C-alpha atoms as a PDB file:
ATOM      1  CA  UNK A   1       3.765 -16.537 -20.190  1.00  0.00           C
ATOM      2  CA  UNK A   2       0.868 -18.503 -21.517  1.00  0.00           C
ATOM      3  CA  UNK A   3      -1.745 -15.738 -21.194  1.00  0.00           C
ATOM      4  CA  UNK A   4      -0.130 -12.265 -20.979  1.00  0.00           C
ATOM      5  CA  UNK A   5      -3.459 -10.409 -20.983  1.00  0.00           C
ATOM      6  CA  UNK A   6      -4.855  -9.284 -17.598  1.00  0.00           C
ATOM      7  CA  UNK A   7      -8.135 -10.662 -16.378  1.00  0.00           C
ATOM      8  CA  UNK A   8     -10.640  -8.080 -15.142  1.00  0.00           C
ATOM      9  CA  UNK A   9     -11.351  -9.822 -11.794  1.00  0.00           C
ATOM     10  CA  UNK A  10      -7.784 -10.952 -11.112  1.00  0.00           C
ATOM     11  CA  UNK A  11      -5.545  -9.278  -8.551  1.00  0.00           C
ATOM     12  CA  UNK A  12      -2.842  -7.098 -10.093  1.00  0.00           C
ATOM     13  CA  UNK A  13      -0.616  -6.810  -7.028  1.00  0.00           C
ATOM     14  CA  UNK A  14       1.493  -9.332  -5.258  1.00  0.00           C
ATOM     15  CA  UNK A  15       1.178  -8.340  -1.595  1.00  0.00           C
ATOM     16  CA  UNK A  16      -1.738  -9.690   0.426  1.00  0.00           C
ATOM     17  CA  UNK A  17      -4.110  -7.050   1.877  1.00  0.00           C
ATOM     18  CA  UNK A  18      -2.866  -7.363   5.463  1.00  0.00           C
ATOM     19  CA  UNK A  19       0.703  -6.875   4.296  1.00  0.00           C
ATOM     20  CA  UNK A  20      -0.185  -3.639   2.544  1.00  0.00           C
ATOM     21  CA  UNK A  21      -2.031  -2.383   5.652  1.00  0.00           C
ATOM     22  CA  UNK A  22       0.912  -3.235   7.899  1.00  0.00           C
ATOM     23  CA  UNK A  23       3.239  -1.457   5.497  1.00  0.00           C
ATOM     24  CA  UNK A  24       1.098   1.687   5.681  1.00  0.00           C
ATOM     25  CA  UNK A  25       0.991   1.502   9.471  1.00  0.00           C
ATOM     26  CA  UNK A  26       4.799   1.048   9.518  1.00  0.00           C
ATOM     27  CA  UNK A  27       5.177   4.152   7.354  1.00  0.00           C
ATOM     28  CA  UNK A  28       3.223   6.321   9.805  1.00  0.00           C
ATOM     29  CA  UNK A  29       4.764   4.664  12.907  1.00  0.00           C
ATOM     30  CA  UNK A  30       8.282   5.584  11.808  1.00  0.00           C
ATOM     31  CA  UNK A  31       9.100   9.231  11.282  1.00  0.00           C
ATOM     32  CA  UNK A  32       7.688   9.972   7.839  1.00  0.00           C
ATOM     33  CA  UNK A  33       8.817  13.013   5.886  1.00  0.00           C
ATOM     34  CA  UNK A  34       6.625  16.175   6.067  1.00  0.00           C
ATOM     35  CA  UNK A  35       4.783  15.294   2.832  1.00  0.00           C
ATOM     36  CA  UNK A  36       3.297  12.154   4.441  1.00  0.00           C
ATOM     37  CA  UNK A  37       2.882  13.791   7.831  1.00  0.00           C
ATOM     38  CA  UNK A  38       0.587  16.422   6.246  1.00  0.00           C
ATOM     39  CA  UNK A  39      -1.897  13.606   5.451  1.00  0.00           C
ATOM     40  CA  UNK A  40      -2.411  12.656   9.124  1.00  0.00           C
ATOM     41  CA  UNK A  41      -5.025  14.431  11.266  1.00  0.00           C
ATOM     42  CA  UNK A  42      -3.714  17.077  13.690  1.00  0.00           C
ATOM     43  CA  UNK A  43      -3.193  16.023  17.258  1.00  0.00           C
END
């Protein structure tokens, strides 16, 4: 690594934003465990 120090305005994750959103939707679309289900609104 040429420059191992992080840059303040640089992204620190590898997944693009739409991929992270789709992953979150996939989590709630499948049957999540009760811990995650408690975060969703009732209904």
